[in-house]
C-alpha atoms as a PDB file:
ATOM      1  CA  UNK A   1      90.936 -48.027 -45.678  1.00  0.00           C
ATOM      2  CA  UNK A   2      87.965 -48.111 -48.079  1.00  0.00           C
ATOM      3  CA  UNK A   3      86.579 -44.883 -49.540  1.00  0.00           C
ATOM      4  CA  UNK A   4      83.951 -43.158 -47.415  1.00  0.00           C
ATOM      5  CA  UNK A   5      81.370 -43.757 -50.161  1.00  0.00           C
ATOM      6  CA  UNK A   6      81.557 -47.514 -49.581  1.00  0.00           C
ATOM      7  CA  UNK A   7      78.820 -48.945 -47.400  1.00  0.00           C
ATOM      8  CA  UNK A   8      80.477 -50.618 -44.424  1.00  0.00           C
ATOM      9  CA  UNK A   9      79.927 -50.945 -40.697  1.00  0.00           C
ATOM     10  CA  UNK A  10      81.346 -47.784 -39.157  1.00  0.00           C
ATOM     11  CA  UNK A  11      82.230 -47.067 -35.537  1.00  0.00           C
ATOM     12  CA  UNK A  12      82.645 -43.323 -35.015  1.00  0.00           C
ATOM     13  CA  UNK A  13      84.620 -41.930 -32.089  1.00  0.00           C
ATOM     14  CA  UNK A  14      83.467 -38.448 -31.105  1.00  0.00           C
ATOM     15  CA  UNK A  15      85.080 -35.803 -28.936  1.00  0.00           C
ATOM     16  CA  UNK A  16      84.072 -32.182 -28.409  1.00  0.00           C
ATOM     17  CA  UNK A  17      81.173 -32.494 -30.823  1.00  0.00           C
ATOM     18  CA  UNK A  18      83.437 -33.654 -33.682  1.00  0.00           C
ATOM     19  CA  UNK A  19      84.208 -37.023 -35.210  1.00  0.00           C
ATOM     20  CA  UNK A  20      87.769 -37.804 -34.165  1.00  0.00           C
ATOM     21  CA  UNK A  21      88.197 -41.198 -35.843  1.00  0.00           C
ATOM     22  CA  UNK A  22      86.314 -43.805 -37.836  1.00  0.00           C
ATOM     23  CA  UNK A  23      86.770 -47.564 -37.655  1.00  0.00           C
ATOM     24  CA  UNK A  24      85.277 -49.608 -40.477  1.00  0.00           C
ATOM     25  CA  UNK A  25      84.358 -53.260 -40.643  1.00  0.00           C
ATOM     26  CA  UNK A  26      82.557 -55.767 -42.814  1.00  0.00           C
ATOM     27  CA  UNK A  27      80.561 -58.751 -41.613  1.00  0.00           C
ATOM     28  CA  UNK A  28      78.622 -61.723 -42.892  1.00  0.00           C
ATOM     29  CA  UNK A  29      75.964 -63.538 -40.876  1.00  0.00           C
ATOM     30  CA  UNK A  30      74.542 -66.928 -41.798  1.00  0.00           C
ATOM     31  CA  UNK A  31      71.400 -67.713 -39.787  1.00  0.00           C
ATOM     32  CA  UNK A  32      70.813 -71.399 -39.045  1.00  0.00           C
ATOM     33  CA  UNK A  33      69.220 -72.842 -42.159  1.00  0.00           C
ATOM     34  CA  UNK A  34      69.206 -69.447 -43.881  1.00  0.00           C
ATOM     35  CA  UNK A  35      71.007 -67.463 -46.559  1.00  0.00           C
ATOM     36  CA  UNK A  36      74.016 -65.193 -45.905  1.00  0.00           C
ATOM     37  CA  UNK A  37      73.338 -61.625 -44.757  1.00  0.00           C
ATOM     38  CA  UNK A  38      76.111 -59.220 -45.768  1.00  0.00           C
ATOM     39  CA  UNK A  39      76.949 -56.047 -43.894  1.00  0.00           C
ATOM     40  CA  UNK A  40      79.195 -54.197 -46.308  1.00  0.00           C
ATOM     41  CA  UNK A  41      79.486 -53.679 -50.045  1.00  0.00           C
ATOM     42  CA  UNK A  42      82.405 -56.023 -50.548  1.00  0.00           C
ATOM     43  CA  UNK A  43      84.155 -59.006 -49.018  1.00  0.00           C
ATOM     44  CA  UNK A  44      87.873 -58.194 -48.683  1.00  0.00           C
ATOM     45  CA  UNK A  45      88.715 -61.548 -47.132  1.00  0.00           C
ATOM     46  CA  UNK A  46      91.200 -62.027 -44.324  1.00  0.00           C
ATOM     47  CA  UNK A  47      93.659 -64.485 -42.852  1.00  0.00           C
ATOM     48  CA  UNK A  48      91.853 -66.638 -40.312  1.00  0.00           C
ATOM     49  CA  UNK A  49      94.537 -66.266 -37.647  1.00  0.00           C
ATOM     50  CA  UNK A  50      93.270 -67.659 -34.325  1.00  0.00           C
ATOM     51  CA  UNK A  51      89.650 -68.120 -35.387  1.00  0.00           C
ATOM     52  CA  UNK A  52      90.943 -71.283 -37.086  1.00  0.00           C
ATOM     53  CA  UNK A  53      91.533 -72.934 -33.707  1.00  0.00           C
ATOM     54  CA  UNK A  54      88.210 -74.813 -33.321  1.00  0.00           C
ATOM     55  CA  UNK A  55      88.879 -76.553 -36.639  1.00  0.00           C
ATOM     56  CA  UNK A  56      92.483 -77.266 -35.695  1.00  0.00           C
ATOM     57  CA  UNK A  57      91.142 -78.938 -32.553  1.00  0.00           C
ATOM     58  CA  UNK A  58      88.663 -80.996 -34.567  1.00  0.00           C
ATOM     59  CA  UNK A  59      91.657 -82.544 -36.367  1.00  0.00           C
ATOM     60  CA  UNK A  60      92.697 -84.012 -33.004  1.00  0.00           C
ATOM     61  CA  UNK A  61      89.331 -85.763 -32.797  1.00  0.00           C
ATOM     62  CA  UNK A  62      89.502 -87.031 -36.378  1.00  0.00           C
ATOM     63  CA  UNK A  63      93.013 -88.454 -35.955  1.00  0.00           C
ATOM     64  CA  UNK A  64      92.229 -90.168 -32.648  1.00  0.00           C
ATOM     65  CA  UNK A  65      94.430 -87.898 -30.517  1.00  0.00           C
ATOM     66  CA  UNK A  66      91.659 -86.970 -28.063  1.00  0.00           C
ATOM     67  CA  UNK A  67      90.806 -90.579 -27.234  1.00  0.00           C
ATOM     68  CA  UNK A  68      94.368 -91.928 -27.395  1.00  0.00           C
ATOM     69  CA  UNK A  69      95.705 -89.405 -24.878  1.00  0.00           C
ATOM     70  CA  UNK A  70      92.495 -89.095 -22.869  1.00  0.00           C
ATOM     71  CA  UNK A  71      92.286 -85.324 -23.254  1.00  0.00           C
ATOM     72  CA  UNK A  72      89.896 -83.680 -20.797  1.00  0.00           C
ATOM     73  CA  UNK A  73      87.362 -80.968 -21.605  1.00  0.00           C
ATOM     74  CA  UNK A  74      89.529 -78.401 -19.795  1.00  0.00           C
ATOM     75  CA  UNK A  75      92.494 -79.399 -21.944  1.00  0.00           C
ATOM     76  CA  UNK A  76      90.392 -79.110 -25.098  1.00  0.00           C
ATOM     77  CA  UNK A  77      89.423 -75.576 -24.041  1.00  0.00           C
ATOM     78  CA  UNK A  78      93.082 -74.568 -23.654  1.00  0.00           C
ATOM     79  CA  UNK A  79      94.045 -76.220 -26.948  1.00  0.00           C
ATOM     80  CA  UNK A  80      91.360 -74.133 -28.697  1.00  0.00           C
ATOM     81  CA  UNK A  81      92.110 -70.945 -26.759  1.00  0.00           C
ATOM     82  CA  UNK A  82      93.873 -67.716 -27.407  1.00  0.00           C
ATOM     83  CA  UNK A  83      94.536 -67.621 -23.700  1.00  0.00           C
ATOM     84  CA  UNK A  84      95.867 -65.014 -21.302  1.00  0.00           C
ATOM     85  CA  UNK A  85      98.902 -66.949 -20.053  1.00  0.00           C
ATOM     86  CA  UNK A  86      97.361 -67.281 -16.598  1.00  0.00           C
ATOM     87  CA  UNK A  87      98.634 -70.036 -14.252  1.00  0.00           C
ATOM     88  CA  UNK A  88      95.783 -72.416 -15.132  1.00  0.00           C
ATOM     89  CA  UNK A  89      96.435 -71.928 -18.843  1.00  0.00           C
ATOM     90  CA  UNK A  90     100.122 -72.673 -18.455  1.00  0.00           C
ATOM     91  CA  UNK A  91      99.543 -75.680 -16.205  1.00  0.00           C
ATOM     92  CA  UNK A  92      97.036 -77.187 -18.628  1.00  0.00           C
ATOM     93  CA  UNK A  93      99.328 -76.624 -21.629  1.00  0.00           C
ATOM     94  CA  UNK A  94     102.224 -78.234 -19.769  1.00  0.00           C
ATOM     95  CA  UNK A  95     100.037 -81.188 -18.839  1.00  0.00           C
ATOM     96  CA  UNK A  96      99.062 -81.682 -22.480  1.00  0.00           C
ATOM     97  CA  UNK A  97     102.742 -81.737 -23.431  1.00  0.00           C
ATOM     98  CA  UNK A  98     103.523 -84.333 -20.754  1.00  0.00           C
ATOM     99  CA  UNK A  99     100.847 -86.672 -22.128  1.00  0.00           C
ATOM    100  CA  UNK A 100     102.975 -87.081 -25.245  1.00  0.00           C
ATOM    101  CA  UNK A 101     106.353 -87.061 -23.516  1.00  0.00           C
ATOM    102  CA  UNK A 102     107.060 -83.475 -24.611  1.00  0.00           C
ATOM    103  CA  UNK A 103     108.268 -80.426 -22.696  1.00  0.00           C
ATOM    104  CA  UNK A 104     108.155 -76.667 -23.127  1.00  0.00           C
ATOM    105  CA  UNK A 105     111.413 -76.909 -25.093  1.00  0.00           C
ATOM    106  CA  UNK A 106     109.495 -78.664 -27.900  1.00  0.00           C
ATOM    107  CA  UNK A 107     107.127 -75.713 -28.438  1.00  0.00           C
ATOM    108  CA  UNK A 108     107.895 -73.599 -31.526  1.00  0.00           C
ATOM    109  CA  UNK A 109     105.363 -70.829 -30.815  1.00  0.00           C
ATOM    110  CA  UNK A 110     107.868 -68.438 -29.207  1.00  0.00           C
ATOM    111  CA  UNK A 111     107.670 -66.572 -25.917  1.00  0.00           C
ATOM    112  CA  UNK A 112     105.802 -63.437 -24.946  1.00  0.00           C
ATOM    113  CA  UNK A 113     104.527 -62.127 -21.581  1.00  0.00           C
ATOM    114  CA  UNK A 114     101.022 -63.133 -20.475  1.00  0.00           C
ATOM    115  CA  UNK A 115      98.317 -60.986 -22.053  1.00  0.00           C
ATOM    116  CA  UNK A 116      96.473 -60.950 -18.706  1.00  0.00           C
ATOM    117  CA  UNK A 117      97.625 -57.728 -17.028  1.00  0.00           C
ATOM    118  CA  UNK A 118      97.437 -59.035 -13.448  1.00  0.00           C
ATOM    119  CA  UNK A 119      99.626 -62.040 -14.277  1.00  0.00           C
ATOM    120  CA  UNK A 120     102.047 -59.850 -16.205  1.00  0.00           C
ATOM    121  CA  UNK A 121     102.376 -57.532 -13.186  1.00  0.00           C
ATOM    122  CA  UNK A 122     102.923 -60.498 -10.866  1.00  0.00           C
ATOM    123  CA  UNK A 123     105.752 -61.795 -13.036  1.00  0.00           C
ATOM    124  CA  UNK A 124     107.418 -58.379 -13.066  1.00  0.00           C
ATOM    125  CA  UNK A 125     107.074 -57.994  -9.300  1.00  0.00           C
ATOM    126  CA  UNK A 126     108.461 -61.478  -8.649  1.00  0.00           C
ATOM    127  CA  UNK A 127     111.107 -61.142 -11.377  1.00  0.00           C
ATOM    128  CA  UNK A 128     109.803 -64.250 -13.080  1.00  0.00           C
ATOM    129  CA  UNK A 129     110.539 -64.667 -16.776  1.00  0.00           C
ATOM    130  CA  UNK A 130     107.800 -66.103 -18.999  1.00  0.00           C
ATOM    131  CA  UNK A 131     108.455 -69.119 -21.173  1.00  0.00           C
ATOM    132  CA  UNK A 132     106.610 -70.433 -24.228  1.00  0.00           C
ATOM    133  CA  UNK A 133     103.759 -71.739 -22.051  1.00  0.00           C
ATOM    134  CA  UNK A 134     102.675 -68.104 -21.574  1.00  0.00           C
ATOM    135  CA  UNK A 135     102.238 -67.705 -25.331  1.00  0.00           C
ATOM    136  CA  UNK A 136      98.514 -67.380 -26.040  1.00  0.00           C
ATOM    137  CA  UNK A 137      98.833 -70.243 -28.574  1.00  0.00           C
ATOM    138  CA  UNK A 138     100.760 -72.693 -26.369  1.00  0.00           C
ATOM    139  CA  UNK A 139      97.741 -74.966 -25.951  1.00  0.00           C
ATOM    140  CA  UNK A 140      97.230 -75.225 -29.708  1.00  0.00           C
ATOM    141  CA  UNK A 141     100.900 -76.032 -30.229  1.00  0.00           C
ATOM    142  CA  UNK A 142     100.849 -78.645 -27.463  1.00  0.00           C
ATOM    143  CA  UNK A 143      97.910 -80.301 -29.234  1.00  0.00           C
ATOM    144  CA  UNK A 144      99.784 -80.206 -32.540  1.00  0.00           C
ATOM    145  CA  UNK A 145     102.730 -81.982 -30.940  1.00  0.00           C
ATOM    146  CA  UNK A 146     100.417 -84.781 -29.758  1.00  0.00           C
ATOM    147  CA  UNK A 147      99.094 -84.973 -33.318  1.00  0.00           C
ATOM    148  CA  UNK A 148     102.685 -85.244 -34.514  1.00  0.00           C
ATOM    149  CA  UNK A 149     103.228 -88.310 -32.349  1.00  0.00           C
ATOM    150  CA  UNK A 150      99.951 -89.840 -33.468  1.00  0.00           C
ATOM    151  CA  UNK A 151     100.861 -89.387 -37.151  1.00  0.00           C
ATOM    152  CA  UNK A 152     104.456 -90.520 -36.692  1.00  0.00           C
ATOM    153  CA  UNK A 153     105.748 -87.151 -37.898  1.00  0.00           C
ATOM    154  CA  UNK A 154     108.909 -85.278 -36.926  1.00  0.00           C
ATOM    155  CA  UNK A 155     108.100 -83.030 -33.909  1.00  0.00           C
ATOM    156  CA  UNK A 156     110.821 -80.585 -34.911  1.00  0.00           C
ATOM    157  CA  UNK A 157     108.948 -79.896 -38.171  1.00  0.00           C
ATOM    158  CA  UNK A 158     105.334 -79.807 -36.950  1.00  0.00           C
ATOM    159  CA  UNK A 159     104.794 -76.218 -38.173  1.00  0.00           C
ATOM    160  CA  UNK A 160     105.917 -76.772 -41.758  1.00  0.00           C
ATOM    161  CA  UNK A 161     103.006 -76.520 -44.228  1.00  0.00           C
ATOM    162  CA  UNK A 162     104.024 -79.627 -46.191  1.00  0.00           C
ATOM    163  CA  UNK A 163     104.267 -81.852 -43.118  1.00  0.00           C
ATOM    164  CA  UNK A 164     101.455 -84.220 -41.968  1.00  0.00           C
ATOM    165  CA  UNK A 165     100.160 -82.032 -39.096  1.00  0.00           C
ATOM    166  CA  UNK A 166      99.564 -78.931 -41.186  1.00  0.00           C
ATOM    167  CA  UNK A 167      98.295 -80.913 -44.177  1.00  0.00           C
ATOM    168  CA  UNK A 168      95.639 -82.438 -41.907  1.00  0.00           C
ATOM    169  CA  UNK A 169      94.683 -78.977 -40.637  1.00  0.00           C
ATOM    170  CA  UNK A 170      94.437 -77.556 -44.161  1.00  0.00           C
ATOM    171  CA  UNK A 171      92.237 -80.473 -45.223  1.00  0.00           C
ATOM    172  CA  UNK A 172      89.853 -79.863 -42.310  1.00  0.00           C
ATOM    173  CA  UNK A 173      89.668 -76.128 -42.974  1.00  0.00           C
ATOM    174  CA  UNK A 174      89.084 -76.652 -46.697  1.00  0.00           C
ATOM    175  CA  UNK A 175      86.106 -78.877 -45.949  1.00  0.00           C
ATOM    176  CA  UNK A 176      84.459 -76.396 -43.567  1.00  0.00           C
ATOM    177  CA  UNK A 177      85.291 -73.275 -45.577  1.00  0.00           C
ATOM    178  CA  UNK A 178      84.194 -74.902 -48.813  1.00  0.00           C
ATOM    179  CA  UNK A 179      87.174 -73.519 -50.742  1.00  0.00           C
ATOM    180  CA  UNK A 180      90.517 -74.752 -52.023  1.00  0.00           C
ATOM    181  CA  UNK A 181      93.243 -73.341 -49.762  1.00  0.00           C
ATOM    182  CA  UNK A 182      96.079 -74.053 -52.180  1.00  0.00           C
ATOM    183  CA  UNK A 183      98.301 -70.969 -52.360  1.00  0.00           C
ATOM    184  CA  UNK A 184      96.367 -69.212 -49.577  1.00  0.00           C
ATOM    185  CA  UNK A 185      98.752 -69.832 -46.680  1.00  0.00           C
ATOM    186  CA  UNK A 186     101.032 -67.474 -44.791  1.00  0.00           C
ATOM    187  CA  UNK A 187     102.751 -67.561 -41.388  1.00  0.00           C
ATOM    188  CA  UNK A 188     100.803 -66.639 -38.268  1.00  0.00           C
ATOM    189  CA  UNK A 189     102.244 -64.739 -35.295  1.00  0.00           C
ATOM    190  CA  UNK A 190     102.870 -68.039 -33.491  1.00  0.00           C
ATOM    191  CA  UNK A 191     104.784 -69.378 -36.538  1.00  0.00           C
ATOM    192  CA  UNK A 192     102.055 -71.852 -37.526  1.00  0.00           C
ATOM    193  CA  UNK A 193     100.485 -71.605 -40.995  1.00  0.00           C
ATOM    194  CA  UNK A 194      97.407 -69.414 -41.395  1.00  0.00           C
ATOM    195  CA  UNK A 195      95.069 -69.231 -44.390  1.00  0.00           C
ATOM    196  CA  UNK A 196      93.313 -66.473 -46.332  1.00  0.00           C
ATOM    197  CA  UNK A 197      89.587 -66.809 -46.975  1.00  0.00           C
ATOM    198  CA  UNK A 198      86.549 -64.653 -47.783  1.00  0.00           C
ATOM    199  CA  UNK A 199      84.582 -63.428 -44.757  1.00  0.00           C
ATOM    200  CA  UNK A 200      81.552 -65.305 -46.067  1.00  0.00           C
ATOM    201  CA  UNK A 201      83.531 -68.556 -46.183  1.00  0.00           C
ATOM    202  CA  UNK A 202      84.570 -68.045 -42.555  1.00  0.00           C
ATOM    203  CA  UNK A 203      80.946 -67.493 -41.544  1.00  0.00           C
ATOM    204  CA  UNK A 204      80.012 -70.614 -43.519  1.00  0.00           C
ATOM    205  CA  UNK A 205      82.664 -72.668 -41.737  1.00  0.00           C
ATOM    206  CA  UNK A 206      81.332 -71.702 -38.326  1.00  0.00           C
ATOM    207  CA  UNK A 207      77.728 -72.233 -39.389  1.00  0.00           C
ATOM    208  CA  UNK A 208      78.716 -75.796 -40.324  1.00  0.00           C
ATOM    209  CA  UNK A 209      79.813 -76.395 -36.742  1.00  0.00           C
ATOM    210  CA  UNK A 210      76.076 -76.504 -35.999  1.00  0.00           C
ATOM    211  CA  UNK A 211      74.994 -78.312 -39.178  1.00  0.00           C
ATOM    212  CA  UNK A 212      74.295 -81.861 -38.018  1.00  0.00           C
ATOM    213  CA  UNK A 213      74.008 -83.194 -41.576  1.00  0.00           C
ATOM    214  CA  UNK A 214      77.385 -81.744 -42.583  1.00  0.00           C
ATOM    215  CA  UNK A 215      79.022 -82.933 -39.362  1.00  0.00           C
ATOM    216  CA  UNK A 216      77.585 -86.441 -39.742  1.00  0.00           C
ATOM    217  CA  UNK A 217      78.884 -86.642 -43.317  1.00  0.00           C
ATOM    218  CA  UNK A 218      82.375 -85.910 -42.004  1.00  0.00           C
ATOM    219  CA  UNK A 219      82.126 -88.108 -38.910  1.00  0.00           C
ATOM    220  CA  UNK A 220      82.412 -85.101 -36.591  1.00  0.00           C
ATOM    221  CA  UNK A 221      78.978 -84.800 -34.988  1.00  0.00           C
ATOM    222  CA  UNK A 222      80.055 -86.116 -31.575  1.00  0.00           C
ATOM    223  CA  UNK A 223      83.368 -84.261 -31.752  1.00  0.00           C
ATOM    224  CA  UNK A 224      81.721 -80.891 -32.418  1.00  0.00           C
ATOM    225  CA  UNK A 225      79.190 -81.472 -29.659  1.00  0.00           C
ATOM    226  CA  UNK A 226      81.905 -82.283 -27.130  1.00  0.00           C
ATOM    227  CA  UNK A 227      84.084 -79.370 -28.230  1.00  0.00           C
ATOM    228  CA  UNK A 228      81.217 -76.909 -27.853  1.00  0.00           C
ATOM    229  CA  UNK A 229      80.417 -78.326 -24.431  1.00  0.00           C
ATOM    230  CA  UNK A 230      84.055 -77.954 -23.355  1.00  0.00           C
ATOM    231  CA  UNK A 231      84.340 -74.354 -24.564  1.00  0.00           C
ATOM    232  CA  UNK A 232      81.043 -73.315 -23.012  1.00  0.00           C
ATOM    233  CA  UNK A 233      81.824 -74.906 -19.650  1.00  0.00           C
ATOM    234  CA  UNK A 234      85.220 -73.209 -19.224  1.00  0.00           C
ATOM    235  CA  UNK A 235      85.106 -69.714 -20.767  1.00  0.00           C
ATOM    236  CA  UNK A 236      88.134 -68.516 -18.819  1.00  0.00           C
ATOM    237  CA  UNK A 237      90.277 -71.465 -19.911  1.00  0.00           C
ATOM    238  CA  UNK A 238      89.078 -70.863 -23.466  1.00  0.00           C
ATOM    239  CA  UNK A 239      90.064 -67.195 -23.248  1.00  0.00           C
ATOM    240  CA  UNK A 240      91.366 -65.116 -20.353  1.00  0.00           C
ATOM    241  CA  UNK A 241      90.668 -62.442 -17.790  1.00  0.00           C
ATOM    242  CA  UNK A 242      90.520 -59.455 -20.166  1.00  0.00           C
ATOM    243  CA  UNK A 243      89.812 -61.109 -23.515  1.00  0.00           C
ATOM    244  CA  UNK A 244      86.478 -60.535 -25.231  1.00  0.00           C
ATOM    245  CA  UNK A 245      85.333 -64.184 -25.510  1.00  0.00           C
ATOM    246  CA  UNK A 246      85.519 -64.374 -21.705  1.00  0.00           C
ATOM    247  CA  UNK A 247      84.138 -60.886 -21.013  1.00  0.00           C
ATOM    248  CA  UNK A 248      81.248 -61.411 -23.400  1.00  0.00           C
ATOM    249  CA  UNK A 249      80.398 -64.996 -22.408  1.00  0.00           C
ATOM    250  CA  UNK A 250      77.716 -63.926 -19.858  1.00  0.00           C
ATOM    251  CA  UNK A 251      75.795 -62.200 -22.671  1.00  0.00           C
ATOM    252  CA  UNK A 252      76.180 -65.013 -25.198  1.00  0.00           C
ATOM    253  CA  UNK A 253      75.851 -68.207 -23.178  1.00  0.00           C
ATOM    254  CA  UNK A 254      74.422 -70.742 -23.516  1.00  0.00           C
ATOM    255  CA  UNK A 255      73.360 -70.336 -27.148  1.00  0.00           C
ATOM    256  CA  UNK A 256      76.480 -68.680 -28.549  1.00  0.00           C
ATOM    257  CA  UNK A 257      80.274 -68.831 -28.352  1.00  0.00           C
ATOM    258  CA  UNK A 258      82.816 -66.331 -29.663  1.00  0.00           C
ATOM    259  CA  UNK A 259      86.438 -66.332 -30.759  1.00  0.00           C
ATOM    260  CA  UNK A 260      88.890 -63.567 -31.619  1.00  0.00           C
ATOM    261  CA  UNK A 261      91.762 -63.569 -34.087  1.00  0.00           C
ATOM    262  CA  UNK A 262      94.599 -61.123 -34.633  1.00  0.00           C
ATOM    263  CA  UNK A 263      94.159 -58.131 -36.952  1.00  0.00           C
ATOM    264  CA  UNK A 264      90.524 -57.567 -36.086  1.00  0.00           C
ATOM    265  CA  UNK A 265      88.917 -60.920 -36.944  1.00  0.00           C
ATOM    266  CA  UNK A 266      86.026 -61.987 -34.720  1.00  0.00           C
ATOM    267  CA  UNK A 267      83.417 -64.752 -34.921  1.00  0.00           C
ATOM    268  CA  UNK A 268      80.259 -65.590 -32.986  1.00  0.00           C
ATOM    269  CA  UNK A 269      78.513 -68.897 -33.562  1.00  0.00           C
ATOM    270  CA  UNK A 270      75.956 -71.235 -32.064  1.00  0.00           C
ATOM    271  CA  UNK A 271      72.290 -72.197 -32.280  1.00  0.00           C
ATOM    272  CA  UNK A 272      71.094 -69.022 -34.088  1.00  0.00           C
ATOM    273  CA  UNK A 273      73.840 -69.210 -36.735  1.00  0.00           C
ATOM    274  CA  UNK A 274      77.297 -67.764 -37.360  1.00  0.00           C
ATOM    275  CA  UNK A 275      78.641 -64.223 -37.645  1.00  0.00           C
ATOM    276  CA  UNK A 276      82.105 -63.341 -38.972  1.00  0.00           C
ATOM    277  CA  UNK A 277      83.439 -59.783 -38.626  1.00  0.00           C
ATOM    278  CA  UNK A 278      86.606 -58.196 -39.969  1.00  0.00           C
ATOM    279  CA  UNK A 279      87.805 -54.829 -38.684  1.00  0.00           C
ATOM    280  CA  UNK A 280      89.405 -53.282 -41.753  1.00  0.00           C
ATOM    281  CA  UNK A 281      92.069 -51.363 -39.830  1.00  0.00           C
ATOM    282  CA  UNK A 282      92.860 -54.503 -37.800  1.00  0.00           C
ATOM    283  CA  UNK A 283      91.925 -52.910 -34.464  1.00  0.00           C
ATOM    284  CA  UNK A 284      89.429 -54.083 -31.871  1.00  0.00           C
ATOM    285  CA  UNK A 285      87.446 -50.819 -32.033  1.00  0.00           C
ATOM    286  CA  UNK A 286      86.190 -51.907 -35.434  1.00  0.00           C
ATOM    287  CA  UNK A 287      84.265 -54.809 -33.868  1.00  0.00           C
ATOM    288  CA  UNK A 288      84.038 -54.155 -30.114  1.00  0.00           C
ATOM    289  CA  UNK A 289      80.828 -52.136 -30.323  1.00  0.00           C
ATOM    290  CA  UNK A 290      79.698 -53.482 -33.696  1.00  0.00           C
ATOM    291  CA  UNK A 291      79.357 -57.112 -32.547  1.00  0.00           C
ATOM    292  CA  UNK A 292      76.641 -56.493 -29.925  1.00  0.00           C
ATOM    293  CA  UNK A 293      74.869 -54.122 -32.320  1.00  0.00           C
ATOM    294  CA  UNK A 294      74.925 -56.767 -35.063  1.00  0.00           C
ATOM    295  CA  UNK A 295      73.666 -59.489 -32.723  1.00  0.00           C
ATOM    296  CA  UNK A 296      70.840 -57.161 -31.665  1.00  0.00           C
ATOM    297  CA  UNK A 297      70.022 -56.398 -35.319  1.00  0.00           C
ATOM    298  CA  UNK A 298      69.947 -60.114 -36.119  1.00  0.00           C
ATOM    299  CA  UNK A 299      67.779 -60.880 -33.084  1.00  0.00           C
ATOM    300  CA  UNK A 300      70.357 -63.354 -31.756  1.00  0.00           C
ATOM    301  CA  UNK A 301      70.363 -61.689 -28.338  1.00  0.00           C
ATOM    302  CA  UNK A 302      67.349 -60.158 -26.622  1.00  0.00           C
ATOM    303  CA  UNK A 303      66.867 -56.385 -26.455  1.00  0.00           C
ATOM    304  CA  UNK A 304      67.187 -56.627 -22.668  1.00  0.00           C
ATOM    305  CA  UNK A 305      70.505 -58.472 -22.954  1.00  0.00           C
ATOM    306  CA  UNK A 306      71.773 -55.953 -25.480  1.00  0.00           C
ATOM    307  CA  UNK A 307      70.820 -53.091 -23.150  1.00  0.00           C
ATOM    308  CA  UNK A 308      72.595 -54.794 -20.226  1.00  0.00           C
ATOM    309  CA  UNK A 309      75.675 -55.326 -22.399  1.00  0.00           C
ATOM    310  CA  UNK A 310      75.738 -51.652 -23.412  1.00  0.00           C
ATOM    311  CA  UNK A 311      75.327 -50.608 -19.793  1.00  0.00           C
ATOM    312  CA  UNK A 312      78.304 -52.658 -18.611  1.00  0.00           C
ATOM    313  CA  UNK A 313      80.500 -51.730 -21.596  1.00  0.00           C
ATOM    314  CA  UNK A 314      79.157 -48.252 -22.269  1.00  0.00           C
ATOM    315  CA  UNK A 315      79.906 -46.816 -25.736  1.00  0.00           C
ATOM    316  CA  UNK A 316      81.598 -43.677 -24.427  1.00  0.00           C
ATOM    317  CA  UNK A 317      85.107 -42.240 -24.429  1.00  0.00           C
ATOM    318  CA  UNK A 318      86.563 -41.704 -20.961  1.00  0.00           C
ATOM    319  CA  UNK A 319      89.516 -39.739 -19.661  1.00  0.00           C
ATOM    320  CA  UNK A 320      92.139 -41.342 -17.456  1.00  0.00           C
ATOM    321  CA  UNK A 321      90.215 -40.245 -14.340  1.00  0.00           C
ATOM    322  CA  UNK A 322      87.003 -41.801 -15.679  1.00  0.00           C
ATOM    323  CA  UNK A 323      85.173 -38.704 -16.879  1.00  0.00           C
ATOM    324  CA  UNK A 324      83.043 -39.115 -20.010  1.00  0.00           C
ATOM    325  CA  UNK A 325      84.643 -36.961 -22.681  1.00  0.00           C
ATOM    326  CA  UNK A 326      83.325 -38.395 -25.927  1.00  0.00           C
ATOM    327  CA  UNK A 327      80.900 -40.703 -27.691  1.00  0.00           C
ATOM    328  CA  UNK A 328      81.061 -43.987 -29.595  1.00  0.00           C
ATOM    329  CA  UNK A 329      78.407 -44.668 -32.236  1.00  0.00           C
ATOM    330  CA  UNK A 330      77.958 -47.630 -34.565  1.00  0.00           C
ATOM    331  CA  UNK A 331      76.265 -47.383 -37.961  1.00  0.00           C
ATOM    332  CA  UNK A 332      75.305 -50.637 -39.674  1.00  0.00           C
ATOM    333  CA  UNK A 333      74.398 -50.558 -43.379  1.00  0.00           C
ATOM    334  CA  UNK A 334      71.244 -52.184 -44.683  1.00  0.00           C
END
């Protein structure tokens, strides 16, 4: 945790008139056609984790996977999602696998229960065991297996950094981030490679998703347009019942999309520009209340929309019975 003298975004949790905890974050915004705006004295960088998924999906366009297998917009949403493991998510992921002659046994993402609480409860009540399709990254992995077939690579090795699938992903990310990713890789929670980058580079990458000149230079203008249309049209497939990109979509659509990553990484991007946030302690409290405050500060959502957002997700601490017992305040530097 940075020293208290450092200027960062700070979310303070209060109880009984005292500050009980502090959650710090840094952020960089890049308005469309503008210069970066930094919220924080330094840029600690972070692993991209799941915010890399839109760029991983763009590789499927570049390599002809989307057209060859006739992937639908709903399937593109699940491929790009950190989903809740709900029935529709699992069915779509399984359908993507079948397009390439694969099955759930070919997934290397591992198994965990659905992150959607209602589906998790149903499985417990019906004594149903989850499989790898319930993994929040199963759609991404299904897409990578199709890419494996398209590139003539070994499906058993699709997660290895030196194999064609991950080399293609790293090349795409390097172009959008504008940095050399050599030596910056690690292993994500789903066993795929992930890459370390400055927060500003992440904001730049997402701002380029709306830069028609950049996209045209890389032959991705139509691909980015279709991907954005697919994600915007199916927010629940792109996320899940309790995940922030789905919960926040009514406040952001149609101009903005959002995506979360593990360890407190969050991005918002669209017509106004791109915003990348990193919660320094890796928890969601570092960005949950900071993101709407930042969007309000930037003027990317209207004051009325910000007020409605705060009313529906009130910045207060509640007891188990729902009584308000504390406060939540966000301070943004600059």
